[in-house]
Amino acid sequence: MTTHHPDQGQPQDQRRYHLPAGDAARGPYAVDIDPERAGWDRSALRVLELEPGGVHELVTGDTEWIILPLSGGCTVRTAGGTFELLGRQSVFSGVSDFAYVPRDARAQISSGAGGRFALAGAKCERRLPARYGPAPEVPVELRGSGTCSRQVNNFAAADTFDCDRLIAVEVLTPGGNWSSYPPHKHDEHVPGEECELEEIYYFEVRDGGLGYHRVSPSRDGGTDVLAEVRSGDAVLIPDGWHGPSIAPPGRTLYYLNVMAGPGEERAWLIRDHPDHRWIRDTWPGEPIDARLPLYTAHPSPGPEVTP
C-alpha cells in the first residue's frame, strides 16, 4: 500500500491517533497496534499479508485473538483444532467465517492462495476454547436510515460470540452516507448507560479514494482528530465523541471496529452526543438506503475440524 501523510503539520493528537497506511507496519504485519503502542491497556489489531503458500506462527501470550479474513482464505492450526477458513474475495464481497484463538496458545496461519487477514485482539484473563465462527451465523444488521444507513456485521459483538474481553464488528457505509452517527462515546463507566472501551477503527475504501473520520473531545484535553482516511489507515480512540465516519460519493467505506475495556461485564454501552442525538428520532420516518444490504451471510460448508 502507498503510504500517505495527510496529518503532517497537524496537532499532536492527529499524528498520534491517526495512523496512515504503512505507519503502523512492523515485522510481518502491515498493521501492528498493540496496547503499548496505542498507550492503553487491552485492545490490539494486526493485519497479516501472506503470499501464496505463506505461513505465519502466532504466539498469543496474554491476548485472545480472532483471525478474520479480509481477502482470501487460510488454515488456522492450534492445539484446540484445525480450522479451514473459506474467507472471501474482499470485505466488500461478503461475510467471512473466522477463528478464535485463546490466550496462552500457539497458532499457525497458512494460505495456499495468499491473502490478507485481520487479527483482532484483547488482553484478557480467561482462557476460552479455540473455536470456529461460521459465516452464516454472523448477524447482519442494518442500522440507521436515509443517509445515515449502514450495514453492521456483528461477528464478535458482545451478544453474538463469546470472548473474555474482545468486541469486534465490521461496518459498511454506502457512498455519500454517514455512519458512527450520531457521535457517541464510551470512555467512562456509568452503570447501565455507558462502559469504558478502547477502540480501533481500521479502514478500507472500495476502489480507492478517501473518507473522513471525526473524534471530538468529551473532556478538557480529550482526543481531537479529524482524519482523512484511506485503505489501510487506522484511527485510535482512547476517549472522546467519535463520528461521523463519512463515505465519499461513489465509494463504499468499510471499517473494522476492535474494542476492549476494564469492566467486569463485556458490553457495548454508549452515550450519544447531546447536540446530535435528535437524529435518531428522524430514522423511523425515513427508509433504509435501498443499496443495503450490500450482501448477506450465505450458507457455506462447515469447517474441517481436526481435534
C-alpha atoms as a PDB file:
ATOM      1  CA  MET A   1       0.000   0.000   0.000  1.00  0.00           C
ATOM      2  CA  THR A   2       1.078   3.567  -0.635  1.00  0.00           C
ATOM      3  CA  THR A   3       1.977   5.491   2.479  1.00  0.00           C
ATOM      4  CA  HIS A   4       0.449   8.951   2.753  1.00  0.00           C
ATOM      5  CA  HIS A   5       0.781  11.577   5.449  1.00  0.00           C
ATOM      6  CA  PRO A   6      -2.185  13.979   5.339  1.00  0.00           C
ATOM      7  CA  ASP A   7      -1.629  14.811   9.021  1.00  0.00           C
ATOM      8  CA  GLN A   8       1.824  16.338   8.697  1.00  0.00           C
ATOM      9  CA  GLY A   9       1.819  19.724  10.395  1.00  0.00           C
ATOM     10  CA  GLN A  10      -1.394  18.873  12.248  1.00  0.00           C
ATOM     11  CA  PRO A  11      -1.967  18.832  16.033  1.00  0.00           C
ATOM     12  CA  GLN A  12      -0.256  16.168  18.117  1.00  0.00           C
ATOM     13  CA  ASP A  13      -3.479  14.152  18.593  1.00  0.00           C
ATOM     14  CA  GLN A  14      -3.851  13.912  14.815  1.00  0.00           C
ATOM     15  CA  ARG A  15      -0.383  12.451  14.373  1.00  0.00           C
ATOM     16  CA  ARG A  16      -0.665  10.168  17.410  1.00  0.00           C
ATOM     17  CA  TYR A  17      -4.121   8.724  16.835  1.00  0.00           C
ATOM     18  CA  HIS A  18      -4.419   8.678  13.029  1.00  0.00           C
ATOM     19  CA  LEU A  19      -2.032   6.076  11.606  1.00  0.00           C
ATOM     20  CA  PRO A  20      -1.911   6.262   7.786  1.00  0.00           C
ATOM     21  CA  ALA A  21      -1.296   3.066   5.826  1.00  0.00           C
ATOM     22  CA  GLY A  22       2.262   1.899   6.435  1.00  0.00           C
ATOM     23  CA  ASP A  23       2.849   3.905   9.610  1.00  0.00           C
ATOM     24  CA  ALA A  24       1.787   1.024  11.883  1.00  0.00           C
ATOM     25  CA  ALA A  25       3.640  -1.688   9.936  1.00  0.00           C
ATOM     26  CA  ARG A  26       6.052  -3.839  11.907  1.00  0.00           C
ATOM     27  CA  GLY A  27       7.756  -7.123  11.133  1.00  0.00           C
ATOM     28  CA  PRO A  28       5.388  -9.428   9.219  1.00  0.00           C
ATOM     29  CA  TYR A  29       2.367  -7.176   9.805  1.00  0.00           C
ATOM     30  CA  ALA A  30       1.056  -4.382   7.553  1.00  0.00           C
ATOM     31  CA  VAL A  31      -0.624  -3.078  10.729  1.00  0.00           C
ATOM     32  CA  ASP A  32       0.578  -3.897  14.233  1.00  0.00           C
ATOM     33  CA  ILE A  33      -1.131  -1.957  17.027  1.00  0.00           C
ATOM     34  CA  ASP A  34      -0.611  -3.376  20.495  1.00  0.00           C
ATOM     35  CA  PRO A  35      -1.622  -1.769  23.812  1.00  0.00           C
ATOM     36  CA  GLU A  36       1.891  -0.437  24.388  1.00  0.00           C
ATOM     37  CA  ARG A  37       1.965   1.283  21.009  1.00  0.00           C
ATOM     38  CA  ALA A  38      -1.566   2.668  21.484  1.00  0.00           C
ATOM     39  CA  GLY A  39      -0.866   3.829  25.045  1.00  0.00           C
ATOM     40  CA  TRP A  40      -3.715   1.901  26.652  1.00  0.00           C
ATOM     41  CA  ASP A  41      -4.374  -1.437  28.351  1.00  0.00           C
ATOM     42  CA  ARG A  42      -6.154  -4.018  26.179  1.00  0.00           C
ATOM     43  CA  SER A  43      -7.205  -3.505  22.529  1.00  0.00           C
ATOM     44  CA  ALA A  44      -4.957  -4.740  19.693  1.00  0.00           C
ATOM     45  CA  LEU A  45      -5.076  -5.120  15.919  1.00  0.00           C
ATOM     46  CA  ARG A  46      -2.762  -6.732  13.402  1.00  0.00           C
ATOM     47  CA  VAL A  47      -3.146  -7.132   9.642  1.00  0.00           C
ATOM     48  CA  LEU A  48      -1.193 -10.048   8.204  1.00  0.00           C
ATOM     49  CA  GLU A  49      -0.422 -10.245   4.483  1.00  0.00           C
ATOM     50  CA  LEU A  50       0.549 -13.725   3.256  1.00  0.00           C
ATOM     51  CA  GLU A  51       1.969 -14.561  -0.156  1.00  0.00           C
ATOM     52  CA  PRO A  52       0.692 -17.749  -1.863  1.00  0.00           C
ATOM     53  CA  GLY A  53       1.961 -20.641   0.236  1.00  0.00           C
ATOM     54  CA  GLY A  54       2.786 -18.298   3.107  1.00  0.00           C
ATOM     55  CA  VAL A  55       2.868 -19.462   6.739  1.00  0.00           C
ATOM     56  CA  HIS A  56       2.834 -17.391   9.927  1.00  0.00           C
ATOM     57  CA  GLU A  57       3.338 -18.503  13.524  1.00  0.00           C
ATOM     58  CA  LEU A  58       1.236 -16.673  16.112  1.00  0.00           C
ATOM     59  CA  VAL A  59       2.076 -16.774  19.831  1.00  0.00           C
ATOM     60  CA  THR A  60      -0.952 -15.357  21.619  1.00  0.00           C
ATOM     61  CA  GLY A  61       0.621 -14.549  25.004  1.00  0.00           C
ATOM     62  CA  ASP A  62      -1.826 -12.791  27.325  1.00  0.00           C
ATOM     63  CA  THR A  63      -4.178 -11.874  24.453  1.00  0.00           C
ATOM     64  CA  GLU A  64      -7.201 -13.555  22.854  1.00  0.00           C
ATOM     65  CA  TRP A  65      -7.350 -13.219  19.056  1.00  0.00           C
ATOM     66  CA  ILE A  66      -9.910 -13.551  16.293  1.00  0.00           C
ATOM     67  CA  ILE A  67      -8.455 -14.299  12.858  1.00  0.00           C
ATOM     68  CA  LEU A  68     -10.745 -12.701  10.267  1.00  0.00           C
ATOM     69  CA  PRO A  69     -10.033 -12.947   6.528  1.00  0.00           C
ATOM     70  CA  LEU A  70     -10.143  -9.578   4.761  1.00  0.00           C
ATOM     71  CA  SER A  71      -9.363 -11.185   1.410  1.00  0.00           C
ATOM     72  CA  GLY A  72      -8.594 -14.828   0.653  1.00  0.00           C
ATOM     73  CA  GLY A  73      -8.838 -17.879   2.863  1.00  0.00           C
ATOM     74  CA  CYS A  74      -6.488 -19.631   5.254  1.00  0.00           C
ATOM     75  CA  THR A  75      -5.951 -22.595   7.543  1.00  0.00           C
ATOM     76  CA  VAL A  76      -5.589 -21.978  11.278  1.00  0.00           C
ATOM     77  CA  ARG A  77      -3.958 -24.781  13.273  1.00  0.00           C
ATOM     78  CA  THR A  78      -3.958 -24.706  17.061  1.00  0.00           C
ATOM     79  CA  ALA A  79      -3.829 -27.248  19.878  1.00  0.00           C
ATOM     80  CA  GLY A  80      -7.627 -26.928  20.011  1.00  0.00           C
ATOM     81  CA  GLY A  81      -8.190 -27.920  16.385  1.00  0.00           C
ATOM     82  CA  THR A  82      -7.584 -27.067  12.753  1.00  0.00           C
ATOM     83  CA  PHE A  83      -9.992 -24.612  11.113  1.00  0.00           C
ATOM     84  CA  GLU A  84     -10.301 -24.115   7.364  1.00  0.00           C
ATOM     85  CA  LEU A  85     -11.443 -20.539   6.786  1.00  0.00           C
ATOM     86  CA  LEU A  86     -13.114 -20.118   3.402  1.00  0.00           C
ATOM     87  CA  GLY A  87     -12.726 -16.345   3.652  1.00  0.00           C
ATOM     88  CA  ARG A  88     -13.911 -14.021   0.896  1.00  0.00           C
ATOM     89  CA  GLN A  89     -12.762 -12.095  -2.129  1.00  0.00           C
ATOM     90  CA  SER A  90     -12.780  -8.786  -0.228  1.00  0.00           C
ATOM     91  CA  VAL A  91     -14.523  -7.043   2.662  1.00  0.00           C
ATOM     92  CA  PHE A  92     -16.968  -5.653   0.080  1.00  0.00           C
ATOM     93  CA  SER A  93     -17.985  -9.051  -1.315  1.00  0.00           C
ATOM     94  CA  GLY A  94     -19.424 -10.965   1.631  1.00  0.00           C
ATOM     95  CA  VAL A  95     -19.403 -12.018   5.266  1.00  0.00           C
ATOM     96  CA  SER A  96     -16.418 -14.140   6.273  1.00  0.00           C
ATOM     97  CA  ASP A  97     -16.009 -17.042   8.617  1.00  0.00           C
ATOM     98  CA  PHE A  98     -13.350 -16.649  11.321  1.00  0.00           C
ATOM     99  CA  ALA A  99     -11.391 -18.452  14.037  1.00  0.00           C
ATOM    100  CA  TYR A 100     -10.972 -17.660  17.727  1.00  0.00           C
ATOM    101  CA  VAL A 101      -7.603 -18.477  19.321  1.00  0.00           C
ATOM    102  CA  PRO A 102      -7.283 -18.155  23.126  1.00  0.00           C
ATOM    103  CA  ARG A 103      -4.550 -16.608  25.224  1.00  0.00           C
ATOM    104  CA  ASP A 104      -1.517 -18.748  26.173  1.00  0.00           C
ATOM    105  CA  ALA A 105      -1.613 -20.634  22.871  1.00  0.00           C
ATOM    106  CA  ARG A 106       0.207 -21.014  19.592  1.00  0.00           C
ATOM    107  CA  ALA A 107      -1.381 -20.974  16.159  1.00  0.00           C
ATOM    108  CA  GLN A 108      -0.153 -21.476  12.631  1.00  0.00           C
ATOM    109  CA  ILE A 109      -1.832 -19.439   9.893  1.00  0.00           C
ATOM    110  CA  SER A 110      -1.215 -20.653   6.339  1.00  0.00           C
ATOM    111  CA  SER A 111      -2.715 -19.745   2.976  1.00  0.00           C
ATOM    112  CA  GLY A 112      -2.254 -21.662  -0.269  1.00  0.00           C
ATOM    113  CA  ALA A 113      -3.512 -18.814  -2.455  1.00  0.00           C
ATOM    114  CA  GLY A 114      -2.380 -15.980  -0.187  1.00  0.00           C
ATOM    115  CA  GLY A 115      -4.472 -13.214   1.307  1.00  0.00           C
ATOM    116  CA  ARG A 116      -4.889 -10.527   3.952  1.00  0.00           C
ATOM    117  CA  PHE A 117      -6.052 -11.385   7.452  1.00  0.00           C
ATOM    118  CA  ALA A 118      -7.066  -9.183  10.362  1.00  0.00           C
ATOM    119  CA  LEU A 119      -6.087 -10.309  13.851  1.00  0.00           C
ATOM    120  CA  ALA A 120      -8.373  -8.544  16.324  1.00  0.00           C
ATOM    121  CA  GLY A 121      -7.140  -8.937  19.887  1.00  0.00           C
ATOM    122  CA  ALA A 122      -7.647  -8.026  23.518  1.00  0.00           C
ATOM    123  CA  LYS A 123      -5.577  -8.684  26.617  1.00  0.00           C
ATOM    124  CA  CYS A 124      -7.709 -10.909  28.806  1.00  0.00           C
ATOM    125  CA  GLU A 125      -7.826 -13.085  31.915  1.00  0.00           C
ATOM    126  CA  ARG A 126      -9.895 -16.158  30.983  1.00  0.00           C
ATOM    127  CA  ARG A 127      -8.649 -18.824  28.599  1.00  0.00           C
ATOM    128  CA  LEU A 128     -11.585 -19.907  26.439  1.00  0.00           C
ATOM    129  CA  PRO A 129     -11.520 -22.783  23.921  1.00  0.00           C
ATOM    130  CA  ALA A 130     -10.416 -22.308  20.317  1.00  0.00           C
ATOM    131  CA  ARG A 131     -13.485 -22.142  18.067  1.00  0.00           C
ATOM    132  CA  TYR A 132     -14.705 -21.659  14.507  1.00  0.00           C
ATOM    133  CA  GLY A 133     -17.176 -18.892  13.612  1.00  0.00           C
ATOM    134  CA  PRO A 134     -19.296 -19.834  10.580  1.00  0.00           C
ATOM    135  CA  ALA A 135     -20.210 -17.053   8.158  1.00  0.00           C
ATOM    136  CA  PRO A 136     -23.932 -17.997   8.059  1.00  0.00           C
ATOM    137  CA  GLU A 137     -24.177 -17.421  11.812  1.00  0.00           C
ATOM    138  CA  VAL A 138     -22.879 -13.829  11.652  1.00  0.00           C
ATOM    139  CA  PRO A 139     -25.822 -11.447  12.314  1.00  0.00           C
ATOM    140  CA  VAL A 140     -26.032  -8.792   9.593  1.00  0.00           C
ATOM    141  CA  GLU A 141     -27.719  -5.643  10.941  1.00  0.00           C
ATOM    142  CA  LEU A 142     -29.000  -2.615   9.019  1.00  0.00           C
ATOM    143  CA  ARG A 143     -28.615   0.402  11.275  1.00  0.00           C
ATOM    144  CA  GLY A 144     -29.940   3.933  10.838  1.00  0.00           C
ATOM    145  CA  SER A 145     -31.954   5.139   7.838  1.00  0.00           C
ATOM    146  CA  GLY A 146     -31.721   7.527   4.905  1.00  0.00           C
ATOM    147  CA  THR A 147     -28.228   8.970   4.543  1.00  0.00           C
ATOM    148  CA  CYS A 148     -27.331   7.517   7.962  1.00  0.00           C
ATOM    149  CA  SER A 149     -27.938   3.947   6.731  1.00  0.00           C
ATOM    150  CA  ARG A 150     -25.124   1.434   7.176  1.00  0.00           C
ATOM    151  CA  GLN A 151     -24.579  -2.311   7.465  1.00  0.00           C
ATOM    152  CA  VAL A 152     -23.038  -3.899  10.542  1.00  0.00           C
ATOM    153  CA  ASN A 153     -21.614  -7.434  10.503  1.00  0.00           C
ATOM    154  CA  ASN A 154     -21.775  -8.404  14.175  1.00  0.00           C
ATOM    155  CA  PHE A 155     -19.339 -11.319  14.022  1.00  0.00           C
ATOM    156  CA  ALA A 156     -17.975 -10.774  17.546  1.00  0.00           C
ATOM    157  CA  ALA A 157     -20.404  -8.330  19.109  1.00  0.00           C
ATOM    158  CA  ALA A 158     -20.876  -8.642  22.856  1.00  0.00           C
ATOM    159  CA  ASP A 159     -24.092 -10.639  22.469  1.00  0.00           C
ATOM    160  CA  THR A 160     -23.234 -12.795  19.439  1.00  0.00           C
ATOM    161  CA  PHE A 161     -19.894 -14.563  20.076  1.00  0.00           C
ATOM    162  CA  ASP A 162     -18.278 -15.431  23.390  1.00  0.00           C
ATOM    163  CA  CYS A 163     -14.938 -13.806  24.197  1.00  0.00           C
ATOM    164  CA  ASP A 164     -13.440 -12.752  27.503  1.00  0.00           C
ATOM    165  CA  ARG A 165     -12.800  -9.082  26.656  1.00  0.00           C
ATOM    166  CA  LEU A 166     -12.797  -8.662  22.881  1.00  0.00           C
ATOM    167  CA  ILE A 167     -15.651  -6.993  20.978  1.00  0.00           C
ATOM    168  CA  ALA A 168     -15.332  -6.639  17.189  1.00  0.00           C
ATOM    169  CA  VAL A 169     -17.688  -5.777  14.316  1.00  0.00           C
ATOM    170  CA  GLU A 170     -17.486  -4.669  10.687  1.00  0.00           C
ATOM    171  CA  VAL A 171     -19.337  -1.623   9.314  1.00  0.00           C
ATOM    172  CA  LEU A 172     -20.035  -0.855   5.640  1.00  0.00           C
ATOM    173  CA  THR A 173     -21.282   2.583   4.647  1.00  0.00           C
ATOM    174  CA  PRO A 174     -22.588   3.249   1.109  1.00  0.00           C
ATOM    175  CA  GLY A 175     -21.100   6.194  -0.769  1.00  0.00           C
ATOM    176  CA  GLY A 176     -22.382   9.560   0.415  1.00  0.00           C
ATOM    177  CA  ASN A 177     -23.664   8.256   3.770  1.00  0.00           C
ATOM    178  CA  TRP A 178     -22.561   8.964   7.338  1.00  0.00           C
ATOM    179  CA  SER A 179     -22.041   6.231   9.919  1.00  0.00           C
ATOM    180  CA  SER A 180     -20.855   6.228  13.526  1.00  0.00           C
ATOM    181  CA  TYR A 181     -23.516   8.907  13.728  1.00  0.00           C
ATOM    182  CA  PRO A 182     -24.782  10.478  15.913  1.00  0.00           C
ATOM    183  CA  PRO A 183     -21.359  10.893  17.545  1.00  0.00           C
ATOM    184  CA  HIS A 184     -21.128   8.723  20.636  1.00  0.00           C
ATOM    185  CA  LYS A 185     -18.674   7.818  23.339  1.00  0.00           C
ATOM    186  CA  HIS A 186     -17.733   5.007  25.702  1.00  0.00           C
ATOM    187  CA  ASP A 187     -14.884   6.396  27.779  1.00  0.00           C
ATOM    188  CA  GLU A 188     -16.242   6.177  31.322  1.00  0.00           C
ATOM    189  CA  HIS A 189     -18.160   3.714  33.463  1.00  0.00           C
ATOM    190  CA  VAL A 190     -21.758   4.757  34.097  1.00  0.00           C
ATOM    191  CA  PRO A 191     -23.774   1.720  35.270  1.00  0.00           C
ATOM    192  CA  GLY A 192     -26.486   0.813  32.789  1.00  0.00           C
ATOM    193  CA  GLU A 193     -25.623   3.710  30.459  1.00  0.00           C
ATOM    194  CA  GLU A 194     -22.001   3.631  29.357  1.00  0.00           C
ATOM    195  CA  CYS A 195     -18.986   1.358  29.603  1.00  0.00           C
ATOM    196  CA  GLU A 196     -15.315   2.143  29.157  1.00  0.00           C
ATOM    197  CA  LEU A 197     -13.860   0.737  25.926  1.00  0.00           C
ATOM    198  CA  GLU A 198     -10.652   1.428  23.989  1.00  0.00           C
ATOM    199  CA  GLU A 199     -11.397   1.305  20.257  1.00  0.00           C
ATOM    200  CA  ILE A 200      -9.503   0.879  16.986  1.00  0.00           C
ATOM    201  CA  TYR A 201     -11.012   1.742  13.597  1.00  0.00           C
ATOM    202  CA  TYR A 202      -9.351   0.078  10.577  1.00  0.00           C
ATOM    203  CA  PHE A 203     -10.477   1.462   7.198  1.00  0.00           C
ATOM    204  CA  GLU A 204     -10.772   0.335   3.597  1.00  0.00           C
ATOM    205  CA  VAL A 205     -12.355   2.290   0.721  1.00  0.00           C
ATOM    206  CA  ARG A 206     -13.797   0.380  -2.210  1.00  0.00           C
ATOM    207  CA  ASP A 207     -11.966   1.142  -5.487  1.00  0.00           C
ATOM    208  CA  GLY A 208      -9.733   3.656  -3.745  1.00  0.00           C
ATOM    209  CA  GLY A 209     -10.378   7.210  -2.700  1.00  0.00           C
ATOM    210  CA  LEU A 210     -10.794   8.682   0.738  1.00  0.00           C
ATOM    211  CA  GLY A 211     -13.229   9.169   3.582  1.00  0.00           C
ATOM    212  CA  TYR A 212     -13.291  11.202   6.775  1.00  0.00           C
ATOM    213  CA  HIS A 213     -13.493  10.310  10.437  1.00  0.00           C
ATOM    214  CA  ARG A 214     -14.000  12.643  13.390  1.00  0.00           C
ATOM    215  CA  VAL A 215     -13.165  12.294  17.086  1.00  0.00           C
ATOM    216  CA  SER A 216     -14.028  15.301  19.260  1.00  0.00           C
ATOM    217  CA  PRO A 217     -13.141  15.880  22.924  1.00  0.00           C
ATOM    218  CA  SER A 218     -15.539  14.700  25.610  1.00  0.00           C
ATOM    219  CA  ARG A 219     -13.468  16.339  28.359  1.00  0.00           C
ATOM    220  CA  ASP A 220     -10.858  19.047  28.741  1.00  0.00           C
ATOM    221  CA  GLY A 221      -7.728  17.941  26.933  1.00  0.00           C
ATOM    222  CA  GLY A 222      -9.506  14.981  25.323  1.00  0.00           C
ATOM    223  CA  THR A 223      -8.796  13.402  21.944  1.00  0.00           C
ATOM    224  CA  ASP A 224      -9.333  15.739  18.973  1.00  0.00           C
ATOM    225  CA  VAL A 225      -8.908  14.240  15.478  1.00  0.00           C
ATOM    226  CA  LEU A 226     -10.272  14.960  12.003  1.00  0.00           C
ATOM    227  CA  ALA A 227      -8.726  12.274   9.803  1.00  0.00           C
ATOM    228  CA  GLU A 228      -8.711  11.893   6.052  1.00  0.00           C
ATOM    229  CA  VAL A 229      -8.718   8.096   5.808  1.00  0.00           C
ATOM    230  CA  ARG A 230      -7.802   5.704   3.006  1.00  0.00           C
ATOM    231  CA  SER A 231      -7.457   1.940   2.698  1.00  0.00           C
ATOM    232  CA  GLY A 232      -5.081   0.602   5.340  1.00  0.00           C
ATOM    233  CA  ASP A 233      -5.441   3.547   7.730  1.00  0.00           C
ATOM    234  CA  ALA A 234      -6.262   3.146  11.409  1.00  0.00           C
ATOM    235  CA  VAL A 235      -7.631   5.587  13.978  1.00  0.00           C
ATOM    236  CA  LEU A 236      -7.156   5.043  17.723  1.00  0.00           C
ATOM    237  CA  ILE A 237      -9.902   6.189  20.091  1.00  0.00           C
ATOM    238  CA  PRO A 238      -8.863   6.171  23.754  1.00  0.00           C
ATOM    239  CA  ASP A 239     -11.670   8.616  24.618  1.00  0.00           C
ATOM    240  CA  GLY A 240     -13.950  11.188  23.046  1.00  0.00           C
ATOM    241  CA  TRP A 241     -17.068  11.512  20.919  1.00  0.00           C
ATOM    242  CA  HIS A 242     -16.411   9.564  17.728  1.00  0.00           C
ATOM    243  CA  GLY A 243     -18.255  10.048  14.485  1.00  0.00           C
ATOM    244  CA  PRO A 244     -19.213  10.672  11.880  1.00  0.00           C
ATOM    245  CA  SER A 245     -17.378   8.340   9.533  1.00  0.00           C
ATOM    246  CA  ILE A 246     -18.126   9.777   6.097  1.00  0.00           C
ATOM    247  CA  ALA A 247     -18.132   7.690   2.898  1.00  0.00           C
ATOM    248  CA  PRO A 248     -17.235   9.578  -0.301  1.00  0.00           C
ATOM    249  CA  PRO A 249     -19.869   9.624  -3.055  1.00  0.00           C
ATOM    250  CA  GLY A 250     -19.495   6.582  -5.287  1.00  0.00           C
ATOM    251  CA  ARG A 251     -17.235   4.714  -2.866  1.00  0.00           C
ATOM    252  CA  THR A 252     -18.279   2.318  -0.109  1.00  0.00           C
ATOM    253  CA  LEU A 253     -16.434   2.826   3.182  1.00  0.00           C
ATOM    254  CA  TYR A 254     -15.503  -0.190   5.327  1.00  0.00           C
ATOM    255  CA  TYR A 255     -14.180  -0.212   8.835  1.00  0.00           C
ATOM    256  CA  LEU A 256     -13.351  -2.902  11.350  1.00  0.00           C
ATOM    257  CA  ASN A 257     -14.001  -1.905  14.975  1.00  0.00           C
ATOM    258  CA  VAL A 258     -11.920  -3.581  17.691  1.00  0.00           C
ATOM    259  CA  MET A 259     -12.820  -2.815  21.324  1.00  0.00           C
ATOM    260  CA  ALA A 260     -11.982  -3.954  24.839  1.00  0.00           C
ATOM    261  CA  GLY A 261     -12.216  -2.453  28.295  1.00  0.00           C
ATOM    262  CA  PRO A 262     -11.609  -2.971  32.003  1.00  0.00           C
ATOM    263  CA  GLY A 263     -15.189  -3.563  33.112  1.00  0.00           C
ATOM    264  CA  GLU A 264     -16.282  -6.885  34.586  1.00  0.00           C
ATOM    265  CA  GLU A 265     -19.160  -7.001  32.094  1.00  0.00           C
ATOM    266  CA  ARG A 266     -18.315  -7.437  28.411  1.00  0.00           C
ATOM    267  CA  ALA A 267     -20.796  -4.964  26.949  1.00  0.00           C
ATOM    268  CA  TRP A 268     -21.148  -2.176  24.386  1.00  0.00           C
ATOM    269  CA  LEU A 269     -22.966   0.667  26.141  1.00  0.00           C
ATOM    270  CA  ILE A 270     -22.695   4.109  24.556  1.00  0.00           C
ATOM    271  CA  ARG A 271     -23.929   7.656  25.114  1.00  0.00           C
ATOM    272  CA  ASP A 272     -24.833   9.892  22.172  1.00  0.00           C
ATOM    273  CA  HIS A 273     -23.527  13.437  21.921  1.00  0.00           C
ATOM    274  CA  PRO A 274     -26.330  15.602  23.364  1.00  0.00           C
ATOM    275  CA  ASP A 275     -26.192  18.036  20.424  1.00  0.00           C
ATOM    276  CA  HIS A 276     -26.754  15.298  17.859  1.00  0.00           C
ATOM    277  CA  ARG A 277     -28.866  12.573  19.453  1.00  0.00           C
ATOM    278  CA  TRP A 278     -32.006  14.062  17.849  1.00  0.00           C
ATOM    279  CA  ILE A 279     -31.006  12.447  14.563  1.00  0.00           C
ATOM    280  CA  ARG A 280     -32.159   9.060  15.893  1.00  0.00           C
ATOM    281  CA  ASP A 281     -35.704  10.424  16.167  1.00  0.00           C
ATOM    282  CA  THR A 282     -35.773  11.019  12.396  1.00  0.00           C
ATOM    283  CA  TRP A 283     -34.922   7.440  11.450  1.00  0.00           C
ATOM    284  CA  PRO A 284     -38.388   5.885  11.803  1.00  0.00           C
ATOM    285  CA  GLY A 285     -39.733   8.307   9.186  1.00  0.00           C
ATOM    286  CA  GLU A 286     -37.084   7.522   6.562  1.00  0.00           C
ATOM    287  CA  PRO A 287     -36.493   4.347   4.546  1.00  0.00           C
ATOM    288  CA  ILE A 288     -33.239   2.424   4.835  1.00  0.00           C
ATOM    289  CA  ASP A 289     -30.898   3.104   1.928  1.00  0.00           C
ATOM    290  CA  ALA A 290     -32.032   0.829  -0.942  1.00  0.00           C
ATOM    291  CA  ARG A 291     -28.401  -0.159  -1.600  1.00  0.00           C
ATOM    292  CA  LEU A 292     -28.402  -2.114   1.648  1.00  0.00           C
ATOM    293  CA  PRO A 293     -27.691  -4.796   2.480  1.00  0.00           C
ATOM    294  CA  LEU A 294     -24.587  -4.817   0.316  1.00  0.00           C
ATOM    295  CA  TYR A 295     -24.582  -8.552   0.952  1.00  0.00           C
ATOM    296  CA  THR A 296     -25.903 -11.005   3.483  1.00  0.00           C
ATOM    297  CA  ALA A 297     -24.431 -14.051   5.154  1.00  0.00           C
ATOM    298  CA  HIS A 298     -24.714 -17.009   2.791  1.00  0.00           C
ATOM    299  CA  PRO A 299     -24.675 -20.684   3.818  1.00  0.00           C
ATOM    300  CA  SER A 300     -21.314 -22.319   3.334  1.00  0.00           C
ATOM    301  CA  PRO A 301     -19.840 -25.700   4.202  1.00  0.00           C
ATOM    302  CA  GLY A 302     -18.766 -26.096   7.813  1.00  0.00           C
ATOM    303  CA  PRO A 303     -15.101 -26.184   8.710  1.00  0.00           C
ATOM    304  CA  GLU A 304     -12.946 -29.222   8.588  1.00  0.00           C
ATOM    305  CA  VAL A 305     -12.049 -29.516  12.282  1.00  0.00           C
ATOM    306  CA  THR A 306      -9.342 -31.857  13.470  1.00  0.00           C
ATOM    307  CA  PRO A 307      -9.253 -32.291  17.266  1.00  0.00           C
END
